[in-house]
Every structure is written in C-alpha cells, then in structure tokens.
Amino acid sequence: ARWLLDMVENLLSVTRIDEKSSKVKKTPEIVDEVVSTAVSQFRKSFPDAKVTVKVPDDPVMAEMDPMLIQQVLINILNNAKIHSGTEEPIELEVRVADGNVLFSVRDHGRRIPEERLESIFDGGSFGTEEESPDSTRGMGIGLSICKTIIDAHDGNIKAVDHEDGVEFVFTLPEYLEEMNDAEGIDTFDRG
C-alpha cells in the first residue's frame, strides 16, 4: 500500500509540470521549511528511521515549487532507507555554494555499482534480487521523476558513491532578497 501511495504521489507530481515548457510555477521559499516538511512526511512512512539534518544558520531561499521539491527529498530519503540495507543515520545537508543551494542526502550502506551511476535517473529498475529483497526492489520511476523535477527547476542532480554508501546531490539556484530602505519596498536580486 505504501509503494502504491508513493507511486501515485510521484505521478501526480510529474503531471504538475507543464509538458510543453518543462517549467514549473516557482515562488521564493525558505529552504529549511521545505526540508522540515519533507523530513516530517518521510518519518510518517519510516518512524524509526534516523535522519540528521544540517542547514545553514542564516535563512536561505530558493525559487521553487515547494511540493515538488519536498517530493524529490522524500523520494531520495525513501531510497536511502529502503536500499541502503543499514540502520545507520541518513544525513541530509543543505549548503550554499556559487549562487546555488546544494541539497545532499547521504546514506551509509550499500553502494551503487559504478556502471549504474550514469543511468540511475533513467527510470530503469533499481536493485536486483542479489542486491535487495523482492519487497524493496523498485521500478526506478521515483529517481526519474526527481530528475524531471530538478531539471524543470533549472537545477542539477547526481548520485555518487562514497567510501561507505551513496550520496544524492541536487542543486537549485539561490534566491537573494534585499531590502531597499530608501524606498521602503522589497527589491529582489536573482543571484
């Protein structure tokens, strides 16, 4: 039932993207609020999962459709929990670099074979019987949807192996807000 619900939510997420322009309706959002909501939703499915979250001390904003970015985070967190094969904490970190907001989800379990890293977002089956039990093998559509959403936000997404697991990283352009004290109005500088 959980798998079916996740699948429906993913398909609904993609239908929100305008197929002709591959663009989404974006608004400036506070990143840590979006992350907090995504982690709360993830914990409803996996109440015993351990997740550490690290966000910048100062508020960071990105222009996004918050529900779609929450879905990306939930998909990646779900994959980390289901496919890592470990109870080690999942690490979710947000940082700013070169005008982009970088989201990183790192697990400490099974690694992805190197030959799969380039095609992992293509929608192919994730996991074989040797890699994961039947109940955790997926169709791979969740990661394909993540890529579609991030591409529509003018961001990038990739998966990399590290010494003891997998890290999924995606970026969104940072949204910078400046106050114009002389005019008493908000002006916005898109960095």
N, C-alpha and C. Protein backbone atom coordinates (compact mmCIF):
# COMPACT_ATOMS: atom_id res chain seq x y z
N ALA A 1 0.83 -1.19 0.00
CA ALA A 1 0.00 0.00 0.00
C ALA A 1 0.88 1.26 0.00
N ARG A 2 1.97 1.23 0.79
CA ARG A 2 2.86 2.40 0.84
C ARG A 2 3.51 2.63 -0.52
N TRP A 3 3.93 1.54 -1.19
CA TRP A 3 4.55 1.66 -2.50
C TRP A 3 3.57 2.27 -3.49
N LEU A 4 2.32 1.83 -3.46
CA LEU A 4 1.31 2.35 -4.38
C LEU A 4 1.04 3.83 -4.11
N LEU A 5 0.97 4.20 -2.84
CA LEU A 5 0.76 5.61 -2.49
C LEU A 5 1.93 6.47 -2.98
N ASP A 6 3.15 5.98 -2.78
CA ASP A 6 4.33 6.71 -3.27
C ASP A 6 4.28 6.87 -4.78
N MET A 7 3.89 5.81 -5.48
CA MET A 7 3.82 5.85 -6.94
C MET A 7 2.80 6.89 -7.40
N VAL A 8 1.63 6.90 -6.78
CA VAL A 8 0.59 7.87 -7.16
C VAL A 8 1.08 9.29 -6.90
N GLU A 9 1.72 9.53 -5.75
CA GLU A 9 2.23 10.87 -5.44
C GLU A 9 3.29 11.30 -6.46
N ASN A 10 4.14 10.36 -6.87
CA ASN A 10 5.14 10.68 -7.87
C ASN A 10 4.51 11.03 -9.21
N LEU A 11 3.55 10.25 -9.63
CA LEU A 11 2.90 10.52 -10.91
C LEU A 11 2.14 11.84 -10.88
N LEU A 12 1.49 12.13 -9.76
CA LEU A 12 0.81 13.42 -9.64
C LEU A 12 1.80 14.58 -9.68
N SER A 13 2.97 14.38 -9.09
CA SER A 13 4.00 15.42 -9.11
C SER A 13 4.41 15.75 -10.53
N VAL A 14 4.60 14.73 -11.35
CA VAL A 14 5.03 14.97 -12.73
C VAL A 14 3.93 15.65 -13.52
N THR A 15 2.68 15.33 -13.26
CA THR A 15 1.60 15.96 -14.02
C THR A 15 1.50 17.44 -13.72
N ARG A 16 2.07 17.90 -12.61
CA ARG A 16 2.06 19.32 -12.28
C ARG A 16 3.05 20.11 -13.13
N ILE A 17 3.94 19.42 -13.81
CA ILE A 17 4.93 20.09 -14.65
C ILE A 17 4.33 20.27 -16.04
N ASP A 18 4.38 21.48 -16.54
CA ASP A 18 3.85 21.77 -17.87
C ASP A 18 4.70 21.05 -18.91
N GLU A 19 4.10 20.08 -19.60
CA GLU A 19 4.84 19.25 -20.54
C GLU A 19 5.44 20.05 -21.69
N LYS A 20 4.78 21.13 -22.11
CA LYS A 20 5.28 21.88 -23.26
C LYS A 20 6.55 22.64 -22.93
N SER A 21 6.63 23.21 -21.77
CA SER A 21 7.79 24.04 -21.46
C SER A 21 8.72 23.40 -20.44
N SER A 22 8.31 22.30 -19.85
CA SER A 22 9.09 21.64 -18.79
C SER A 22 9.46 22.62 -17.68
N LYS A 23 8.58 23.57 -17.44
CA LYS A 23 8.80 24.53 -16.37
C LYS A 23 7.73 24.35 -15.31
N VAL A 24 8.03 24.81 -14.13
CA VAL A 24 7.09 24.74 -13.02
C VAL A 24 6.83 26.15 -12.51
N LYS A 25 5.74 26.30 -11.81
CA LYS A 25 5.43 27.60 -11.19
C LYS A 25 6.23 27.69 -9.90
N LYS A 26 7.18 28.64 -9.87
CA LYS A 26 8.10 28.75 -8.74
C LYS A 26 7.84 30.03 -7.96
N THR A 27 8.03 29.93 -6.66
CA THR A 27 7.94 31.08 -5.77
C THR A 27 9.14 31.04 -4.82
N PRO A 28 9.57 32.19 -4.30
CA PRO A 28 10.68 32.17 -3.33
C PRO A 28 10.23 31.45 -2.06
N GLU A 29 11.01 30.47 -1.63
CA GLU A 29 10.69 29.67 -0.45
C GLU A 29 11.89 29.59 0.48
N ILE A 30 11.62 29.53 1.78
CA ILE A 30 12.68 29.32 2.76
C ILE A 30 13.01 27.83 2.77
N VAL A 31 14.25 27.52 2.46
CA VAL A 31 14.68 26.15 2.23
C VAL A 31 14.49 25.27 3.46
N ASP A 32 14.84 25.75 4.67
CA ASP A 32 14.75 24.86 5.82
C ASP A 32 13.30 24.48 6.14
N GLU A 33 12.34 25.31 5.77
CA GLU A 33 10.93 24.95 5.97
C GLU A 33 10.52 23.82 5.03
N VAL A 34 10.99 23.88 3.79
CA VAL A 34 10.70 22.83 2.83
C VAL A 34 11.35 21.51 3.27
N VAL A 35 12.59 21.60 3.74
CA VAL A 35 13.31 20.41 4.22
C VAL A 35 12.59 19.82 5.43
N SER A 36 12.18 20.66 6.37
CA SER A 36 11.49 20.20 7.57
C SER A 36 10.20 19.46 7.23
N THR A 37 9.43 19.99 6.30
CA THR A 37 8.18 19.34 5.89
C THR A 37 8.46 18.00 5.23
N ALA A 38 9.47 17.94 4.37
CA ALA A 38 9.82 16.68 3.70
C ALA A 38 10.25 15.62 4.71
N VAL A 39 11.08 16.00 5.67
CA VAL A 39 11.55 15.03 6.68
C VAL A 39 10.36 14.55 7.53
N SER A 40 9.45 15.44 7.88
CA SER A 40 8.26 15.05 8.64
C SER A 40 7.42 14.04 7.87
N GLN A 41 7.25 14.28 6.57
CA GLN A 41 6.48 13.34 5.74
C GLN A 41 7.20 12.00 5.64
N PHE A 42 8.52 12.03 5.47
CA PHE A 42 9.31 10.79 5.41
C PHE A 42 9.15 9.99 6.69
N ARG A 43 9.19 10.68 7.83
CA ARG A 43 9.09 9.99 9.13
C ARG A 43 7.72 9.35 9.35
N LYS A 44 6.70 9.82 8.64
CA LYS A 44 5.39 9.16 8.74
C LYS A 44 5.45 7.75 8.15
N SER A 45 6.23 7.58 7.09
CA SER A 45 6.40 6.26 6.48
C SER A 45 7.42 5.41 7.23
N PHE A 46 8.44 6.05 7.78
CA PHE A 46 9.53 5.34 8.46
C PHE A 46 9.77 5.98 9.83
N PRO A 47 8.88 5.74 10.79
CA PRO A 47 9.00 6.43 12.08
C PRO A 47 10.28 6.08 12.85
N ASP A 48 10.88 4.94 12.57
CA ASP A 48 12.09 4.55 13.29
C ASP A 48 13.37 4.96 12.58
N ALA A 49 13.24 5.55 11.39
CA ALA A 49 14.43 5.94 10.63
C ALA A 49 15.15 7.09 11.32
N LYS A 50 16.47 7.03 11.28
CA LYS A 50 17.30 8.09 11.86
C LYS A 50 17.75 9.02 10.74
N VAL A 51 17.45 10.30 10.90
CA VAL A 51 17.85 11.31 9.91
C VAL A 51 18.48 12.47 10.65
N THR A 52 19.69 12.84 10.26
CA THR A 52 20.30 14.05 10.81
C THR A 52 20.17 15.14 9.74
N VAL A 53 19.80 16.32 10.15
CA VAL A 53 19.59 17.43 9.22
C VAL A 53 20.51 18.57 9.60
N LYS A 54 21.21 19.10 8.62
CA LYS A 54 22.09 20.24 8.83
C LYS A 54 21.75 21.30 7.79
N VAL A 55 21.33 22.46 8.26
CA VAL A 55 21.00 23.59 7.38
C VAL A 55 21.82 24.80 7.83
N PRO A 56 22.02 25.76 6.93
CA PRO A 56 22.77 26.97 7.32
C PRO A 56 22.07 27.72 8.46
N ASP A 57 22.85 28.42 9.28
CA ASP A 57 22.29 29.20 10.38
C ASP A 57 21.41 30.34 9.86
N ASP A 58 21.84 31.00 8.79
CA ASP A 58 21.06 32.09 8.22
C ASP A 58 20.05 31.52 7.24
N PRO A 59 18.86 32.13 7.19
CA PRO A 59 17.84 31.63 6.25
C PRO A 59 18.35 31.67 4.81
N VAL A 60 18.03 30.63 4.07
CA VAL A 60 18.40 30.51 2.66
C VAL A 60 17.10 30.36 1.87
N MET A 61 17.04 31.07 0.75
CA MET A 61 15.85 30.98 -0.09
C MET A 61 16.21 30.48 -1.48
N ALA A 62 15.28 29.71 -2.04
CA ALA A 62 15.41 29.27 -3.42
C ALA A 62 14.04 29.40 -4.07
N GLU A 63 14.05 29.69 -5.36
CA GLU A 63 12.79 29.80 -6.09
C GLU A 63 12.41 28.39 -6.53
N MET A 64 11.22 27.94 -6.09
CA MET A 64 10.84 26.55 -6.33
C MET A 64 9.34 26.36 -6.19
N ASP A 65 8.89 25.20 -6.64
CA ASP A 65 7.57 24.70 -6.29
C ASP A 65 7.82 23.83 -5.06
N PRO A 66 7.43 24.28 -3.86
CA PRO A 66 7.84 23.57 -2.65
C PRO A 66 7.33 22.13 -2.57
N MET A 67 6.13 21.87 -3.08
CA MET A 67 5.61 20.49 -3.02
C MET A 67 6.44 19.55 -3.88
N LEU A 68 6.89 20.03 -5.05
CA LEU A 68 7.70 19.17 -5.91
C LEU A 68 9.07 18.91 -5.30
N ILE A 69 9.68 19.93 -4.71
CA ILE A 69 11.00 19.73 -4.08
C ILE A 69 10.87 18.84 -2.85
N GLN A 70 9.78 18.97 -2.10
CA GLN A 70 9.54 18.05 -0.99
C GLN A 70 9.45 16.62 -1.52
N GLN A 71 8.78 16.43 -2.65
CA GLN A 71 8.66 15.08 -3.22
C GLN A 71 10.03 14.53 -3.62
N VAL A 72 10.89 15.37 -4.17
CA VAL A 72 12.25 14.94 -4.51
C VAL A 72 12.98 14.46 -3.25
N LEU A 73 12.92 15.28 -2.20
CA LEU A 73 13.60 14.91 -0.94
C LEU A 73 13.02 13.62 -0.37
N ILE A 74 11.70 13.47 -0.38
CA ILE A 74 11.06 12.27 0.15
C ILE A 74 11.48 11.05 -0.66
N ASN A 75 11.49 11.16 -2.00
CA ASN A 75 11.92 10.03 -2.83
C ASN A 75 13.34 9.60 -2.50
N ILE A 76 14.23 10.58 -2.38
CA ILE A 76 15.64 10.25 -2.12
C ILE A 76 15.80 9.67 -0.71
N LEU A 77 15.11 10.24 0.28
CA LEU A 77 15.17 9.69 1.63
C LEU A 77 14.60 8.27 1.67
N ASN A 78 13.49 8.04 0.98
CA ASN A 78 12.91 6.70 0.90
C ASN A 78 13.91 5.71 0.32
N ASN A 79 14.56 6.10 -0.78
CA ASN A 79 15.55 5.21 -1.40
C ASN A 79 16.70 4.92 -0.44
N ALA A 80 17.15 5.95 0.26
CA ALA A 80 18.25 5.75 1.21
C ALA A 80 17.85 4.76 2.30
N LYS A 81 16.63 4.87 2.80
CA LYS A 81 16.17 3.97 3.85
C LYS A 81 15.97 2.55 3.32
N ILE A 82 15.32 2.43 2.17
CA ILE A 82 14.96 1.11 1.64
C ILE A 82 16.16 0.37 1.07
N HIS A 83 17.00 1.06 0.30
CA HIS A 83 18.04 0.37 -0.46
C HIS A 83 19.40 0.34 0.21
N SER A 84 19.61 1.11 1.27
CA SER A 84 20.94 1.13 1.89
C SER A 84 21.24 -0.14 2.66
N GLY A 85 20.20 -0.79 3.19
CA GLY A 85 20.40 -2.03 3.94
C GLY A 85 21.06 -1.81 5.28
N THR A 86 20.92 -0.63 5.85
CA THR A 86 21.55 -0.34 7.13
C THR A 86 20.62 0.49 7.99
N GLU A 87 20.87 0.48 9.28
CA GLU A 87 20.11 1.33 10.20
C GLU A 87 20.90 2.59 10.58
N GLU A 88 22.04 2.78 9.94
CA GLU A 88 22.84 3.99 10.19
C GLU A 88 22.02 5.22 9.82
N PRO A 89 22.26 6.34 10.49
CA PRO A 89 21.50 7.56 10.16
C PRO A 89 21.73 8.03 8.73
N ILE A 90 20.67 8.56 8.14
CA ILE A 90 20.75 9.22 6.85
C ILE A 90 21.08 10.68 7.13
N GLU A 91 22.02 11.23 6.38
CA GLU A 91 22.44 12.61 6.59
C GLU A 91 21.88 13.49 5.48
N LEU A 92 21.11 14.50 5.87
CA LEU A 92 20.58 15.47 4.92
C LEU A 92 21.22 16.81 5.24
N GLU A 93 21.92 17.36 4.27
CA GLU A 93 22.61 18.63 4.48
C GLU A 93 22.26 19.62 3.38
N VAL A 94 22.09 20.87 3.77
CA VAL A 94 21.86 21.96 2.83
C VAL A 94 22.98 22.97 3.01
N ARG A 95 23.56 23.42 1.91
CA ARG A 95 24.58 24.47 1.97
C ARG A 95 24.49 25.32 0.71
N VAL A 96 25.11 26.47 0.76
CA VAL A 96 25.10 27.40 -0.37
C VAL A 96 26.50 27.45 -0.96
N ALA A 97 26.58 27.35 -2.28
CA ALA A 97 27.87 27.43 -2.96
C ALA A 97 27.67 27.99 -4.36
N ASP A 98 28.43 29.01 -4.69
CA ASP A 98 28.45 29.58 -6.05
C ASP A 98 27.06 29.95 -6.55
N GLY A 99 26.24 30.56 -5.70
CA GLY A 99 24.92 31.01 -6.13
C GLY A 99 23.88 29.92 -6.22
N ASN A 100 24.22 28.74 -5.73
CA ASN A 100 23.28 27.63 -5.75
C ASN A 100 23.04 27.11 -4.33
N VAL A 101 21.85 26.57 -4.12
CA VAL A 101 21.55 25.87 -2.88
C VAL A 101 21.76 24.39 -3.18
N LEU A 102 22.64 23.77 -2.42
CA LEU A 102 23.01 22.38 -2.64
C LEU A 102 22.36 21.51 -1.56
N PHE A 103 21.61 20.51 -1.99
CA PHE A 103 20.95 19.55 -1.10
C PHE A 103 21.68 18.22 -1.23
N SER A 104 22.07 17.64 -0.11
CA SER A 104 22.81 16.38 -0.12
C SER A 104 22.12 15.39 0.82
N VAL A 105 21.86 14.19 0.30
CA VAL A 105 21.31 13.10 1.12
C VAL A 105 22.30 11.95 1.03
N ARG A 106 22.88 11.60 2.17
CA ARG A 106 23.95 10.60 2.21
C ARG A 106 23.54 9.45 3.12
N ASP A 107 23.70 8.22 2.61
CA ASP A 107 23.47 7.06 3.46
C ASP A 107 24.78 6.32 3.67
N HIS A 108 24.75 5.35 4.56
CA HIS A 108 25.96 4.59 4.90
C HIS A 108 25.65 3.11 4.80
N GLY A 109 25.38 2.66 3.58
CA GLY A 109 25.02 1.26 3.36
C GLY A 109 25.54 0.76 2.03
N ARG A 110 24.64 0.05 1.30
CA ARG A 110 25.02 -0.50 0.01
C ARG A 110 25.42 0.61 -0.96
N ARG A 111 26.41 0.31 -1.76
CA ARG A 111 26.84 1.24 -2.79
C ARG A 111 26.13 0.89 -4.10
N ILE A 112 26.09 1.83 -5.01
CA ILE A 112 25.51 1.60 -6.33
C ILE A 112 26.65 1.21 -7.26
N PRO A 113 26.48 0.13 -8.02
CA PRO A 113 27.55 -0.24 -8.96
C PRO A 113 27.88 0.93 -9.88
N GLU A 114 29.17 1.12 -10.13
CA GLU A 114 29.64 2.28 -10.90
C GLU A 114 28.94 2.40 -12.24
N GLU A 115 28.69 1.26 -12.89
CA GLU A 115 28.05 1.30 -14.21
C GLU A 115 26.59 1.78 -14.14
N ARG A 116 25.99 1.77 -12.96
CA ARG A 116 24.60 2.24 -12.80
C ARG A 116 24.50 3.73 -12.48
N LEU A 117 25.59 4.34 -12.01
CA LEU A 117 25.53 5.74 -11.59
C LEU A 117 25.08 6.68 -12.70
N GLU A 118 25.55 6.47 -13.93
CA GLU A 118 25.21 7.36 -15.03
C GLU A 118 23.75 7.22 -15.47
N SER A 119 23.17 6.03 -15.29
CA SER A 119 21.82 5.78 -15.80
C SER A 119 20.76 5.65 -14.70
N ILE A 120 21.12 5.94 -13.47
CA ILE A 120 20.21 5.71 -12.35
C ILE A 120 18.95 6.57 -12.42
N PHE A 121 19.01 7.69 -13.13
CA PHE A 121 17.85 8.57 -13.24
C PHE A 121 17.04 8.32 -14.51
N ASP A 122 17.36 7.24 -15.24
CA ASP A 122 16.68 6.94 -16.50
C ASP A 122 15.39 6.16 -16.34
N GLY A 123 15.04 5.77 -15.12
CA GLY A 123 13.77 5.07 -14.90
C GLY A 123 13.88 3.56 -14.96
N GLY A 124 15.09 3.02 -15.05
CA GLY A 124 15.25 1.58 -15.07
C GLY A 124 15.08 1.00 -13.68
N SER A 125 14.90 -0.30 -13.63
CA SER A 125 14.70 -0.99 -12.35
C SER A 125 15.86 -0.75 -11.42
N PHE A 126 15.56 -0.48 -10.16
CA PHE A 126 16.61 -0.25 -9.16
C PHE A 126 16.73 -1.49 -8.30
N GLY A 127 17.84 -2.14 -8.34
CA GLY A 127 18.08 -3.31 -7.49
C GLY A 127 17.75 -4.60 -8.20
N THR A 128 18.54 -5.62 -7.90
CA THR A 128 18.29 -6.96 -8.40
C THR A 128 18.02 -7.83 -7.21
N GLU A 129 17.65 -9.07 -7.46
CA GLU A 129 17.38 -9.98 -6.33
C GLU A 129 18.61 -10.15 -5.46
N GLU A 130 19.79 -10.09 -6.07
CA GLU A 130 21.01 -10.23 -5.28
C GLU A 130 21.25 -8.98 -4.43
N GLU A 131 20.87 -7.80 -4.96
CA GLU A 131 21.15 -6.55 -4.25
C GLU A 131 20.14 -6.25 -3.16
N SER A 132 18.87 -6.60 -3.39
CA SER A 132 17.84 -6.30 -2.41
C SER A 132 16.75 -7.33 -2.47
N PRO A 133 16.08 -7.56 -1.34
CA PRO A 133 14.98 -8.50 -1.33
C PRO A 133 13.85 -8.01 -2.24
N ASP A 134 12.95 -8.96 -2.64
CA ASP A 134 11.84 -8.62 -3.53
C ASP A 134 11.05 -7.43 -3.05
N SER A 135 10.82 -7.32 -1.76
CA SER A 135 9.96 -6.25 -1.24
C SER A 135 10.57 -4.87 -1.39
N THR A 136 11.88 -4.79 -1.63
CA THR A 136 12.50 -3.46 -1.73
C THR A 136 12.97 -3.12 -3.12
N ARG A 137 12.82 -4.04 -4.09
CA ARG A 137 13.19 -3.68 -5.45
C ARG A 137 12.16 -2.73 -6.00
N GLY A 138 12.62 -1.73 -6.74
CA GLY A 138 11.69 -0.75 -7.27
C GLY A 138 11.77 -0.66 -8.77
N MET A 139 10.83 0.08 -9.34
CA MET A 139 10.80 0.26 -10.78
C MET A 139 11.72 1.38 -11.22
N GLY A 140 12.25 2.16 -10.29
CA GLY A 140 13.17 3.23 -10.64
C GLY A 140 12.50 4.51 -11.09
N ILE A 141 11.18 4.54 -11.08
CA ILE A 141 10.48 5.72 -11.57
C ILE A 141 10.66 6.92 -10.63
N GLY A 142 10.84 6.67 -9.34
CA GLY A 142 11.00 7.77 -8.38
C GLY A 142 12.20 8.65 -8.69
N LEU A 143 13.33 8.04 -9.03
CA LEU A 143 14.53 8.83 -9.36
C LEU A 143 14.39 9.53 -10.70
N SER A 144 13.70 8.89 -11.63
CA SER A 144 13.44 9.53 -12.91
C SER A 144 12.58 10.78 -12.72
N ILE A 145 11.60 10.69 -11.85
CA ILE A 145 10.74 11.82 -11.54
C ILE A 145 11.55 12.92 -10.84
N CYS A 146 12.45 12.53 -9.94
CA CYS A 146 13.32 13.51 -9.28
C CYS A 146 14.09 14.31 -10.32
N LYS A 147 14.66 13.63 -11.30
CA LYS A 147 15.44 14.33 -12.33
C LYS A 147 14.55 15.27 -13.13
N THR A 148 13.36 14.82 -13.49
CA THR A 148 12.42 15.67 -14.25
C THR A 148 12.11 16.94 -13.46
N ILE A 149 11.84 16.79 -12.18
CA ILE A 149 11.50 17.94 -11.33
C ILE A 149 12.69 18.89 -11.21
N ILE A 150 13.87 18.36 -10.93
CA ILE A 150 15.05 19.22 -10.76
C ILE A 150 15.41 19.91 -12.08
N ASP A 151 15.33 19.20 -13.20
CA ASP A 151 15.58 19.83 -14.50
C ASP A 151 14.60 20.98 -14.74
N ALA A 152 13.33 20.79 -14.38
CA ALA A 152 12.32 21.83 -14.57
C ALA A 152 12.58 23.05 -13.68
N HIS A 153 13.38 22.87 -12.63
CA HIS A 153 13.76 23.97 -11.73
C HIS A 153 15.10 24.59 -12.11
N ASP A 154 15.64 24.23 -13.27
CA ASP A 154 16.95 24.71 -13.73
C ASP A 154 18.07 24.30 -12.77
N GLY A 155 17.92 23.13 -12.17
CA GLY A 155 18.93 22.61 -11.26
C GLY A 155 19.63 21.40 -11.85
N ASN A 156 20.46 20.76 -11.05
CA ASN A 156 21.18 19.55 -11.44
C ASN A 156 21.03 18.51 -10.35
N ILE A 157 21.09 17.24 -10.74
CA ILE A 157 21.02 16.15 -9.77
C ILE A 157 21.99 15.05 -10.19
N LYS A 158 22.63 14.43 -9.20
CA LYS A 158 23.55 13.34 -9.49
C LYS A 158 23.63 12.41 -8.29
N ALA A 159 24.12 11.22 -8.55
CA ALA A 159 24.38 10.24 -7.49
C ALA A 159 25.86 9.90 -7.53
N VAL A 160 26.47 9.83 -6.35
CA VAL A 160 27.89 9.47 -6.26
C VAL A 160 28.08 8.46 -5.14
N ASP A 161 28.99 7.53 -5.39
CA ASP A 161 29.38 6.60 -4.33
C ASP A 161 30.41 7.27 -3.44
N HIS A 162 30.37 6.94 -2.17
CA HIS A 162 31.46 7.34 -1.28
C HIS A 162 31.94 6.10 -0.56
N GLU A 163 32.89 6.25 0.32
CA GLU A 163 33.56 5.08 0.90
C GLU A 163 32.63 4.09 1.58
N ASP A 164 31.48 4.55 2.10
CA ASP A 164 30.60 3.59 2.79
C ASP A 164 29.12 3.83 2.48
N GLY A 165 28.82 4.15 1.23
CA GLY A 165 27.42 4.32 0.87
C GLY A 165 27.24 5.15 -0.39
N VAL A 166 26.09 5.82 -0.45
CA VAL A 166 25.72 6.60 -1.63
C VAL A 166 25.29 7.99 -1.20
N GLU A 167 25.59 8.98 -2.03
CA GLU A 167 25.16 10.34 -1.79
C GLU A 167 24.42 10.86 -3.03
N PHE A 168 23.22 11.36 -2.82
CA PHE A 168 22.46 12.02 -3.88
C PHE A 168 22.56 13.52 -3.62
N VAL A 169 22.89 14.26 -4.66
CA VAL A 169 23.09 15.70 -4.54
C VAL A 169 22.28 16.39 -5.63
N PHE A 170 21.51 17.41 -5.24
CA PHE A 170 20.88 18.23 -6.26
C PHE A 170 21.01 19.69 -5.88
N THR A 171 20.95 20.55 -6.90
CA THR A 171 21.11 21.98 -6.69
C THR A 171 19.91 22.73 -7.25
N LEU A 172 19.64 23.86 -6.64
CA LEU A 172 18.65 24.82 -7.12
C LEU A 172 19.31 26.19 -7.08
N PRO A 173 18.98 27.08 -8.00
CA PRO A 173 19.54 28.43 -7.93
C PRO A 173 19.08 29.13 -6.64
N GLU A 174 20.03 29.81 -5.97
CA GLU A 174 19.69 30.55 -4.76
C GLU A 174 18.88 31.79 -5.13
N TYR A 175 17.96 32.16 -4.26
CA TYR A 175 17.13 33.36 -4.46
C TYR A 175 17.55 34.37 -3.42
N LEU A 176 18.04 35.53 -3.86
CA LEU A 176 18.54 36.54 -2.94
C LEU A 176 17.54 37.68 -2.82
N GLU A 177 17.27 38.07 -1.57
CA GLU A 177 16.32 39.13 -1.30
C GLU A 177 17.05 40.28 -0.63
N GLU A 178 16.83 41.49 -1.09
CA GLU A 178 17.47 42.66 -0.48
C GLU A 178 16.40 43.69 -0.17
N MET A 179 16.54 44.35 0.94
CA MET A 179 15.61 45.43 1.31
C MET A 179 16.14 46.75 0.75
N ASN A 180 15.26 47.53 0.18
CA ASN A 180 15.61 48.86 -0.29
C ASN A 180 15.08 49.85 0.75
N ASP A 181 15.93 50.22 1.70
CA ASP A 181 15.49 51.08 2.81
C ASP A 181 15.04 52.46 2.35
N ALA A 182 15.67 53.00 1.32
CA ALA A 182 15.30 54.34 0.86
C ALA A 182 13.87 54.38 0.34
N GLU A 183 13.47 53.34 -0.36
CA GLU A 183 12.13 53.29 -0.93
C GLU A 183 11.12 52.66 0.03
N GLY A 184 11.64 51.88 0.98
CA GLY A 184 10.74 51.17 1.89
C GLY A 184 10.03 50.00 1.24
N ILE A 185 10.60 49.48 0.12
CA ILE A 185 9.99 48.34 -0.57
C ILE A 185 11.05 47.27 -0.76
N ASP A 186 10.56 46.07 -1.04
CA ASP A 186 11.46 44.95 -1.29
C ASP A 186 11.91 44.98 -2.75
N THR A 187 13.20 44.75 -2.97
CA THR A 187 13.69 44.51 -4.31
C THR A 187 14.39 43.17 -4.30
N PHE A 188 14.40 42.50 -5.41
CA PHE A 188 14.93 41.17 -5.45
C PHE A 188 16.05 41.08 -6.47
N ASP A 189 17.11 40.44 -6.07
CA ASP A 189 18.23 40.19 -6.94
C ASP A 189 18.36 38.69 -7.12
N ARG A 190 18.13 38.20 -8.31
CA ARG A 190 18.24 36.75 -8.55
C ARG A 190 19.69 36.44 -8.85
N GLY A 191 20.37 35.82 -7.86
CA GLY A 191 21.80 35.57 -7.95
C GLY A 191 22.21 34.56 -8.91
